[in-house]
Amino acid sequence: MNEQEWKLKIPEMIMRYRQMEKAGLGLLLQEVKWQYADMAVGGDGGSLGFIPNDEEWLSAAKPPSCREHNYPLYPDHFFQEVCDLMSWPR
């Protein structure tokens, strides 16, 4: 994923998380905030907690991380920008 591609995703994520806030999904957002803060400093966002039911992961011995599964080519800077725009700690 090149810089232009991930930069275009930032407004999309901001809108999604703002909608979640308005819908009262703060508890779910707590996990997202933690994951983004972790990935903003080079972490993997923690274990996904399950093995996804798709070909890429079916033979996996353990669940992938949040980053491996959901954001495999996203740079740390993407998560830093989302955290900053959402006023989330990182």
PDB file of N, CA and C in Angstrom:
ATOM      1  N   MET A   1       0.842  -1.170   0.000  1.00  0.00           N
ATOM      2  CA  MET A   1       0.000   0.000   0.000  1.00  0.00           C
ATOM      3  C   MET A   1       0.890   1.237   0.000  1.00  0.00           C
ATOM      4  N   ASN A   2       0.638   2.115  -0.932  1.00  0.00           N
ATOM      5  CA  ASN A   2       1.456   3.324  -0.995  1.00  0.00           C
ATOM      6  C   ASN A   2       0.848   4.429  -0.122  1.00  0.00           C
ATOM      7  N   GLU A   3       1.599   5.504   0.044  1.00  0.00           N
ATOM      8  CA  GLU A   3       1.185   6.590   0.934  1.00  0.00           C
ATOM      9  C   GLU A   3      -0.146   7.202   0.516  1.00  0.00           C
ATOM     10  N   GLN A   4      -0.336   7.390  -0.754  1.00  0.00           N
ATOM     11  CA  GLN A   4      -1.589   7.978  -1.234  1.00  0.00           C
ATOM     12  C   GLN A   4      -2.786   7.090  -0.848  1.00  0.00           C
ATOM     13  N   GLU A   5      -2.624   5.779  -0.979  1.00  0.00           N
ATOM     14  CA  GLU A   5      -3.718   4.855  -0.662  1.00  0.00           C
ATOM     15  C   GLU A   5      -4.093   4.897   0.821  1.00  0.00           C
ATOM     16  N   TRP A   6      -3.090   4.829   1.714  1.00  0.00           N
ATOM     17  CA  TRP A   6      -3.445   4.817   3.134  1.00  0.00           C
ATOM     18  C   TRP A   6      -3.925   6.177   3.607  1.00  0.00           C
ATOM     19  N   LYS A   7      -3.435   7.244   2.979  1.00  0.00           N
ATOM     20  CA  LYS A   7      -3.917   8.585   3.370  1.00  0.00           C
ATOM     21  C   LYS A   7      -5.390   8.764   3.009  1.00  0.00           C
ATOM     22  N   LEU A   8      -5.821   8.143   1.923  1.00  0.00           N
ATOM     23  CA  LEU A   8      -7.232   8.214   1.542  1.00  0.00           C
ATOM     24  C   LEU A   8      -8.125   7.451   2.524  1.00  0.00           C
ATOM     25  N   LYS A   9      -7.571   6.491   3.222  1.00  0.00           N
ATOM     26  CA  LYS A   9      -8.333   5.699   4.189  1.00  0.00           C
ATOM     27  C   LYS A   9      -8.571   6.442   5.506  1.00  0.00           C
ATOM     28  N   ILE A  10      -7.761   7.433   5.807  1.00  0.00           N
ATOM     29  CA  ILE A  10      -7.867   8.121   7.096  1.00  0.00           C
ATOM     30  C   ILE A  10      -9.245   8.772   7.284  1.00  0.00           C
ATOM     31  N   PRO A  11      -9.740   9.580   6.339  1.00  0.00           N
ATOM     32  CA  PRO A  11     -11.071  10.176   6.548  1.00  0.00           C
ATOM     33  C   PRO A  11     -12.170   9.120   6.705  1.00  0.00           C
ATOM     34  N   GLU A  12     -12.043   8.033   5.986  1.00  0.00           N
ATOM     35  CA  GLU A  12     -13.010   6.932   6.085  1.00  0.00           C
ATOM     36  C   GLU A  12     -13.036   6.364   7.510  1.00  0.00           C
ATOM     37  N   MET A  13     -11.864   6.161   8.083  1.00  0.00           N
ATOM     38  CA  MET A  13     -11.781   5.615   9.438  1.00  0.00           C
ATOM     39  C   MET A  13     -12.308   6.624  10.455  1.00  0.00           C
ATOM     40  N   ILE A  14     -11.990   7.889  10.269  1.00  0.00           N
ATOM     41  CA  ILE A  14     -12.470   8.924  11.182  1.00  0.00           C
ATOM     42  C   ILE A  14     -14.000   8.949  11.179  1.00  0.00           C
ATOM     43  N   MET A  15     -14.589   8.915   9.994  1.00  0.00           N
ATOM     44  CA  MET A  15     -16.050   8.910   9.895  1.00  0.00           C
ATOM     45  C   MET A  15     -16.638   7.684  10.583  1.00  0.00           C
ATOM     46  N   ARG A  16     -16.033   6.527  10.364  1.00  0.00           N
ATOM     47  CA  ARG A  16     -16.524   5.291  10.978  1.00  0.00           C
ATOM     48  C   ARG A  16     -16.479   5.380  12.502  1.00  0.00           C
ATOM     49  N   TYR A  17     -15.371   5.859  13.038  1.00  0.00           N
ATOM     50  CA  TYR A  17     -15.236   5.908  14.493  1.00  0.00           C
ATOM     51  C   TYR A  17     -16.083   7.013  15.107  1.00  0.00           C
ATOM     52  N   ARG A  18     -16.287   8.113  14.406  1.00  0.00           N
ATOM     53  CA  ARG A  18     -17.193   9.160  14.890  1.00  0.00           C
ATOM     54  C   ARG A  18     -18.635   8.635  14.936  1.00  0.00           C
ATOM     55  N   GLN A  19     -19.016   7.866  13.928  1.00  0.00           N
ATOM     56  CA  GLN A  19     -20.352   7.264  13.914  1.00  0.00           C
ATOM     57  C   GLN A  19     -20.517   6.290  15.080  1.00  0.00           C
ATOM     58  N   MET A  20     -19.470   5.545  15.361  1.00  0.00           N
ATOM     59  CA  MET A  20     -19.524   4.613  16.486  1.00  0.00           C
ATOM     60  C   MET A  20     -19.688   5.367  17.797  1.00  0.00           C
ATOM     61  N   GLU A  21     -19.002   6.482  17.935  1.00  0.00           N
ATOM     62  CA  GLU A  21     -19.139   7.316  19.140  1.00  0.00           C
ATOM     63  C   GLU A  21     -20.581   7.802  19.293  1.00  0.00           C
ATOM     64  N   LYS A  22     -21.149   8.304  18.212  1.00  0.00           N
ATOM     65  CA  LYS A  22     -22.516   8.829  18.238  1.00  0.00           C
ATOM     66  C   LYS A  22     -23.537   7.728  18.516  1.00  0.00           C
ATOM     67  N   ALA A  23     -23.226   6.510  18.083  1.00  0.00           N
ATOM     68  CA  ALA A  23     -24.138   5.385  18.286  1.00  0.00           C
ATOM     69  C   ALA A  23     -24.010   4.771  19.682  1.00  0.00           C
ATOM     70  N   GLY A  24     -23.130   5.340  20.501  1.00  0.00           N
ATOM     71  CA  GLY A  24     -22.978   4.837  21.856  1.00  0.00           C
ATOM     72  C   GLY A  24     -22.181   3.547  21.955  1.00  0.00           C
ATOM     73  N   LEU A  25     -21.281   3.344  21.018  1.00  0.00           N
ATOM     74  CA  LEU A  25     -20.470   2.124  20.995  1.00  0.00           C
ATOM     75  C   LEU A  25     -19.098   2.361  21.621  1.00  0.00           C
ATOM     76  N   GLY A  26     -19.073   3.165  22.671  1.00  0.00           N
ATOM     77  CA  GLY A  26     -17.822   3.522  23.324  1.00  0.00           C
ATOM     78  C   GLY A  26     -17.040   2.338  23.845  1.00  0.00           C
ATOM     79  N   LEU A  27     -17.740   1.319  24.323  1.00  0.00           N
ATOM     80  CA  LEU A  27     -17.048   0.138  24.850  1.00  0.00           C
ATOM     81  C   LEU A  27     -16.265  -0.565  23.746  1.00  0.00           C
ATOM     82  N   LEU A  28     -16.872  -0.703  22.601  1.00  0.00           N
ATOM     83  CA  LEU A  28     -16.181  -1.306  21.458  1.00  0.00           C
ATOM     84  C   LEU A  28     -15.006  -0.438  21.021  1.00  0.00           C
ATOM     85  N   LEU A  29     -15.184   0.866  21.076  1.00  0.00           N
ATOM     86  CA  LEU A  29     -14.117   1.782  20.679  1.00  0.00           C
ATOM     87  C   LEU A  29     -12.925   1.722  21.625  1.00  0.00           C
ATOM     88  N   GLN A  30     -13.129   1.336  22.870  1.00  0.00           N
ATOM     89  CA  GLN A  30     -12.009   1.239  23.804  1.00  0.00           C
ATOM     90  C   GLN A  30     -10.956   0.273  23.283  1.00  0.00           C
ATOM     91  N   GLU A  31     -11.399  -0.851  22.753  1.00  0.00           N
ATOM     92  CA  GLU A  31     -10.462  -1.826  22.183  1.00  0.00           C
ATOM     93  C   GLU A  31      -9.772  -1.248  20.956  1.00  0.00           C
ATOM     94  N   VAL A  32     -10.533  -0.581  20.101  1.00  0.00           N
ATOM     95  CA  VAL A  32      -9.968   0.027  18.889  1.00  0.00           C
ATOM     96  C   VAL A  32      -8.912   1.064  19.273  1.00  0.00           C
ATOM     97  N   LYS A  33      -9.198   1.879  20.273  1.00  0.00           N
ATOM     98  CA  LYS A  33      -8.236   2.895  20.726  1.00  0.00           C
ATOM     99  C   LYS A  33      -6.936   2.238  21.180  1.00  0.00           C
ATOM    100  N   TRP A  34      -7.079   1.177  21.951  1.00  0.00           N
ATOM    101  CA  TRP A  34      -5.879   0.475  22.425  1.00  0.00           C
ATOM    102  C   TRP A  34      -5.097  -0.090  21.249  1.00  0.00           C
ATOM    103  N   GLN A  35      -5.798  -0.736  20.314  1.00  0.00           N
ATOM    104  CA  GLN A  35      -5.140  -1.327  19.148  1.00  0.00           C
ATOM    105  C   GLN A  35      -4.414  -0.260  18.332  1.00  0.00           C
ATOM    106  N   TYR A  36      -5.080   0.857  18.066  1.00  0.00           N
ATOM    107  CA  TYR A  36      -4.468   1.919  17.271  1.00  0.00           C
ATOM    108  C   TYR A  36      -3.263   2.519  17.985  1.00  0.00           C
ATOM    109  N   ALA A  37      -3.378   2.733  19.290  1.00  0.00           N
ATOM    110  CA  ALA A  37      -2.238   3.276  20.041  1.00  0.00           C
ATOM    111  C   ALA A  37      -1.054   2.324  19.960  1.00  0.00           C
ATOM    112  N   ASP A  38      -1.313   1.032  20.058  1.00  0.00           N
ATOM    113  CA  ASP A  38      -0.248   0.037  19.972  1.00  0.00           C
ATOM    114  C   ASP A  38       0.383   0.029  18.577  1.00  0.00           C
ATOM    115  N   MET A  39      -0.450   0.068  17.553  1.00  0.00           N
ATOM    116  CA  MET A  39       0.061   0.027  16.186  1.00  0.00           C
ATOM    117  C   MET A  39       0.748   1.339  15.799  1.00  0.00           C
ATOM    118  N   ALA A  40       0.373   2.440  16.450  1.00  0.00           N
ATOM    119  CA  ALA A  40       1.004   3.733  16.182  1.00  0.00           C
ATOM    120  C   ALA A  40       2.476   3.741  16.569  1.00  0.00           C
ATOM    121  N   VAL A  41       2.858   2.850  17.478  1.00  0.00           N
ATOM    122  CA  VAL A  41       4.262   2.772  17.904  1.00  0.00           C
ATOM    123  C   VAL A  41       4.917   1.474  17.417  1.00  0.00           C
ATOM    124  N   GLY A  42       4.349   0.892  16.357  1.00  0.00           N
ATOM    125  CA  GLY A  42       4.968  -0.275  15.743  1.00  0.00           C
ATOM    126  C   GLY A  42       4.474  -1.614  16.232  1.00  0.00           C
ATOM    127  N   GLY A  43       3.488  -1.623  17.137  1.00  0.00           N
ATOM    128  CA  GLY A  43       2.958  -2.885  17.654  1.00  0.00           C
ATOM    129  C   GLY A  43       2.029  -3.571  16.667  1.00  0.00           C
ATOM    130  N   ASP A  44       1.521  -4.715  17.103  1.00  0.00           N
ATOM    131  CA  ASP A  44       0.654  -5.496  16.221  1.00  0.00           C
ATOM    132  C   ASP A  44      -0.828  -5.371  16.560  1.00  0.00           C
ATOM    133  N   GLY A  45      -1.171  -4.588  17.582  1.00  0.00           N
ATOM    134  CA  GLY A  45      -2.569  -4.405  17.951  1.00  0.00           C
ATOM    135  C   GLY A  45      -3.161  -5.558  18.727  1.00  0.00           C
ATOM    136  N   GLY A  46      -2.327  -6.516  19.093  1.00  0.00           N
ATOM    137  CA  GLY A  46      -2.799  -7.659  19.875  1.00  0.00           C
ATOM    138  C   GLY A  46      -3.412  -8.747  19.012  1.00  0.00           C
ATOM    139  N   SER A  47      -3.656  -9.856  19.643  1.00  0.00           N
ATOM    140  CA  SER A  47      -4.225 -11.015  18.951  1.00  0.00           C
ATOM    141  C   SER A  47      -5.648 -10.725  18.507  1.00  0.00           C
ATOM    142  N   LEU A  48      -5.998 -11.229  17.351  1.00  0.00           N
ATOM    143  CA  LEU A  48      -7.361 -11.099  16.855  1.00  0.00           C
ATOM    144  C   LEU A  48      -8.310 -11.903  17.743  1.00  0.00           C
ATOM    145  N   GLY A  49      -7.800 -12.940  18.377  1.00  0.00           N
ATOM    146  CA  GLY A  49      -8.603 -13.730  19.299  1.00  0.00           C
ATOM    147  C   GLY A  49      -9.317 -14.907  18.646  1.00  0.00           C
ATOM    148  N   PHE A  50      -9.211 -15.005  17.356  1.00  0.00           N
ATOM    149  CA  PHE A  50      -9.805 -16.134  16.629  1.00  0.00           C
ATOM    150  C   PHE A  50      -9.067 -16.298  15.314  1.00  0.00           C
ATOM    151  N   ILE A  51      -9.205 -17.456  14.719  1.00  0.00           N
ATOM    152  CA  ILE A  51      -8.605 -17.694  13.407  1.00  0.00           C
ATOM    153  C   ILE A  51      -9.664 -17.404  12.356  1.00  0.00           C
ATOM    154  N   PRO A  52      -9.431 -16.405  11.505  1.00  0.00           N
ATOM    155  CA  PRO A  52     -10.418 -16.046  10.479  1.00  0.00           C
ATOM    156  C   PRO A  52     -10.725 -17.221   9.558  1.00  0.00           C
ATOM    157  N   ASN A  53     -11.943 -17.260   9.113  1.00  0.00           N
ATOM    158  CA  ASN A  53     -12.390 -18.351   8.251  1.00  0.00           C
ATOM    159  C   ASN A  53     -12.173 -17.983   6.782  1.00  0.00           C
ATOM    160  N   ASP A  54     -10.922 -17.808   6.422  1.00  0.00           N
ATOM    161  CA  ASP A  54     -10.587 -17.592   5.016  1.00  0.00           C
ATOM    162  C   ASP A  54      -9.312 -18.365   4.707  1.00  0.00           C
ATOM    163  N   GLU A  55      -9.082 -18.594   3.437  1.00  0.00           N
ATOM    164  CA  GLU A  55      -7.979 -19.465   3.018  1.00  0.00           C
ATOM    165  C   GLU A  55      -6.628 -19.084   3.583  1.00  0.00           C
ATOM    166  N   GLU A  56      -6.372 -17.807   3.676  1.00  0.00           N
ATOM    167  CA  GLU A  56      -5.065 -17.345   4.134  1.00  0.00           C
ATOM    168  C   GLU A  56      -4.756 -17.823   5.555  1.00  0.00           C
ATOM    169  N   TRP A  57      -5.775 -17.940   6.394  1.00  0.00           N
ATOM    170  CA  TRP A  57      -5.550 -18.225   7.814  1.00  0.00           C
ATOM    171  C   TRP A  57      -6.001 -19.606   8.265  1.00  0.00           C
ATOM    172  N   LEU A  58      -6.687 -20.354   7.425  1.00  0.00           N
ATOM    173  CA  LEU A  58      -7.247 -21.635   7.863  1.00  0.00           C
ATOM    174  C   LEU A  58      -6.211 -22.607   8.416  1.00  0.00           C
ATOM    175  N   SER A  59      -5.010 -22.570   7.913  1.00  0.00           N
ATOM    176  CA  SER A  59      -3.983 -23.490   8.400  1.00  0.00           C
ATOM    177  C   SER A  59      -3.110 -22.870   9.491  1.00  0.00           C
ATOM    178  N   ALA A  60      -3.473 -21.699   9.962  1.00  0.00           N
ATOM    179  CA  ALA A  60      -2.679 -21.023  10.990  1.00  0.00           C
ATOM    180  C   ALA A  60      -2.736 -21.774  12.313  1.00  0.00           C
ATOM    181  N   ALA A  61      -1.612 -21.815  13.002  1.00  0.00           N
ATOM    182  CA  ALA A  61      -1.533 -22.495  14.297  1.00  0.00           C
ATOM    183  C   ALA A  61      -2.081 -21.623  15.416  1.00  0.00           C
ATOM    184  N   LYS A  62      -2.075 -20.322  15.197  1.00  0.00           N
ATOM    185  CA  LYS A  62      -2.580 -19.390  16.218  1.00  0.00           C
ATOM    186  C   LYS A  62      -3.270 -18.231  15.522  1.00  0.00           C
ATOM    187  N   PRO A  63      -4.139 -17.533  16.238  1.00  0.00           N
ATOM    188  CA  PRO A  63      -4.810 -16.389  15.615  1.00  0.00           C
ATOM    189  C   PRO A  63      -3.815 -15.314  15.199  1.00  0.00           C
ATOM    190  N   PRO A  64      -4.091 -14.641  14.094  1.00  0.00           N
ATOM    191  CA  PRO A  64      -3.214 -13.546  13.680  1.00  0.00           C
ATOM    192  C   PRO A  64      -3.432 -12.340  14.583  1.00  0.00           C
ATOM    193  N   SER A  65      -2.540 -11.388  14.479  1.00  0.00           N
ATOM    194  CA  SER A  65      -2.728 -10.137  15.206  1.00  0.00           C
ATOM    195  C   SER A  65      -3.738  -9.278  14.445  1.00  0.00           C
ATOM    196  N   CYS A  66      -4.217  -8.267  15.123  1.00  0.00           N
ATOM    197  CA  CYS A  66      -5.129  -7.306  14.493  1.00  0.00           C
ATOM    198  C   CYS A  66      -4.475  -6.698  13.251  1.00  0.00           C
ATOM    199  N   ARG A  67      -3.217  -6.332  13.393  1.00  0.00           N
ATOM    200  CA  ARG A  67      -2.512  -5.694  12.275  1.00  0.00           C
ATOM    201  C   ARG A  67      -2.291  -6.676  11.121  1.00  0.00           C
ATOM    202  N   GLU A  68      -1.888  -7.891  11.431  1.00  0.00           N
ATOM    203  CA  GLU A  68      -1.656  -8.882  10.373  1.00  0.00           C
ATOM    204  C   GLU A  68      -2.913  -9.099   9.537  1.00  0.00           C
ATOM    205  N   HIS A  69      -4.045  -9.184  10.195  1.00  0.00           N
ATOM    206  CA  HIS A  69      -5.285  -9.511   9.493  1.00  0.00           C
ATOM    207  C   HIS A  69      -5.966  -8.294   8.870  1.00  0.00           C
ATOM    208  N   ASN A  70      -6.087  -7.209   9.622  1.00  0.00           N
ATOM    209  CA  ASN A  70      -6.867  -6.061   9.169  1.00  0.00           C
ATOM    210  C   ASN A  70      -6.066  -4.958   8.482  1.00  0.00           C
ATOM    211  N   TYR A  71      -4.801  -4.833   8.827  1.00  0.00           N
ATOM    212  CA  TYR A  71      -4.000  -3.702   8.328  1.00  0.00           C
ATOM    213  C   TYR A  71      -2.598  -4.158   7.908  1.00  0.00           C
ATOM    214  N   PRO A  72      -2.476  -5.172   7.079  1.00  0.00           N
ATOM    215  CA  PRO A  72      -1.147  -5.757   6.821  1.00  0.00           C
ATOM    216  C   PRO A  72      -0.124  -4.818   6.186  1.00  0.00           C
ATOM    217  N   LEU A  73      -0.535  -3.851   5.433  1.00  0.00           N
ATOM    218  CA  LEU A  73       0.433  -2.986   4.747  1.00  0.00           C
ATOM    219  C   LEU A  73       0.393  -1.538   5.239  1.00  0.00           C
ATOM    220  N   TYR A  74      -0.306  -1.297   6.333  1.00  0.00           N
ATOM    221  CA  TYR A  74      -0.434   0.067   6.841  1.00  0.00           C
ATOM    222  C   TYR A  74       0.775   0.443   7.684  1.00  0.00           C
ATOM    223  N   PRO A  75       1.337   1.628   7.442  1.00  0.00           N
ATOM    224  CA  PRO A  75       2.486   2.083   8.226  1.00  0.00           C
ATOM    225  C   PRO A  75       2.038   2.626   9.590  1.00  0.00           C
ATOM    226  N   ASP A  76       2.970   2.713  10.509  1.00  0.00           N
ATOM    227  CA  ASP A  76       2.688   3.264  11.838  1.00  0.00           C
ATOM    228  C   ASP A  76       2.054   4.651  11.731  1.00  0.00           C
ATOM    229  N   HIS A  77       2.497   5.417  10.756  1.00  0.00           N
ATOM    230  CA  HIS A  77       2.023   6.798  10.612  1.00  0.00           C
ATOM    231  C   HIS A  77       0.508   6.866  10.401  1.00  0.00           C
ATOM    232  N   PHE A  78      -0.065   5.886   9.731  1.00  0.00           N
ATOM    233  CA  PHE A  78      -1.519   5.843   9.539  1.00  0.00           C
ATOM    234  C   PHE A  78      -2.216   5.854  10.901  1.00  0.00           C
ATOM    235  N   PHE A  79      -1.777   4.991  11.798  1.00  0.00           N
ATOM    236  CA  PHE A  79      -2.399   4.879  13.118  1.00  0.00           C
ATOM    237  C   PHE A  79      -2.134   6.120  13.958  1.00  0.00           C
ATOM    238  N   GLN A  80      -0.963   6.706  13.804  1.00  0.00           N
ATOM    239  CA  GLN A  80      -0.647   7.943  14.506  1.00  0.00           C
ATOM    240  C   GLN A  80      -1.606   9.059  14.084  1.00  0.00           C
ATOM    241  N   GLU A  81      -1.838   9.177  12.783  1.00  0.00           N
ATOM    242  CA  GLU A  81      -2.727  10.238  12.290  1.00  0.00           C
ATOM    243  C   GLU A  81      -4.162  10.031  12.754  1.00  0.00           C
ATOM    244  N   VAL A  82      -4.640   8.784  12.701  1.00  0.00           N
ATOM    245  CA  VAL A  82      -6.010   8.525  13.161  1.00  0.00           C
ATOM    246  C   VAL A  82      -6.129   8.844  14.646  1.00  0.00           C
ATOM    247  N   CYS A  83      -5.166   8.405  15.437  1.00  0.00           N
ATOM    248  CA  CYS A  83      -5.186   8.708  16.878  1.00  0.00           C
ATOM    249  C   CYS A  83      -5.212  10.209  17.118  1.00  0.00           C
ATOM    250  N   ASP A  84      -4.386  10.947  16.409  1.00  0.00           N
ATOM    251  CA  ASP A  84      -4.320  12.393  16.579  1.00  0.00           C
ATOM    252  C   ASP A  84      -5.622  13.065  16.178  1.00  0.00           C
ATOM    253  N   LEU A  85      -6.185  12.674  15.053  1.00  0.00           N
ATOM    254  CA  LEU A  85      -7.429  13.287  14.583  1.00  0.00           C
ATOM    255  C   LEU A  85      -8.624  12.935  15.456  1.00  0.00           C
ATOM    256  N   MET A  86      -8.576  11.772  16.085  1.00  0.00           N
ATOM    257  CA  MET A  86      -9.646  11.359  17.002  1.00  0.00           C
ATOM    258  C   MET A  86      -9.399  11.853  18.432  1.00  0.00           C
ATOM    259  N   SER A  87      -8.240  12.487  18.643  1.00  0.00           N
ATOM    260  CA  SER A  87      -7.829  12.929  19.989  1.00  0.00           C
ATOM    261  C   SER A  87      -7.704  11.758  20.949  1.00  0.00           C
ATOM    262  N   TRP A  88      -7.204  10.651  20.430  1.00  0.00           N
ATOM    263  CA  TRP A  88      -6.934   9.467  21.242  1.00  0.00           C
ATOM    264  C   TRP A  88      -5.477   9.506  21.694  1.00  0.00           C
ATOM    265  N   PRO A  89      -5.200   9.057  22.898  1.00  0.00           N
ATOM    266  CA  PRO A  89      -3.794   8.982  23.315  1.00  0.00           C
ATOM    267  C   PRO A  89      -3.051   7.927  22.495  1.00  0.00           C
ATOM    268  N   ARG A  90      -1.758   8.155  22.320  1.00  0.00           N
ATOM    269  CA  ARG A  90      -0.930   7.153  21.639  1.00  0.00           C
ATOM    270  C   ARG A  90       0.421   7.079  22.279  1.00  0.00           C
TER     271      ARG A  90
END
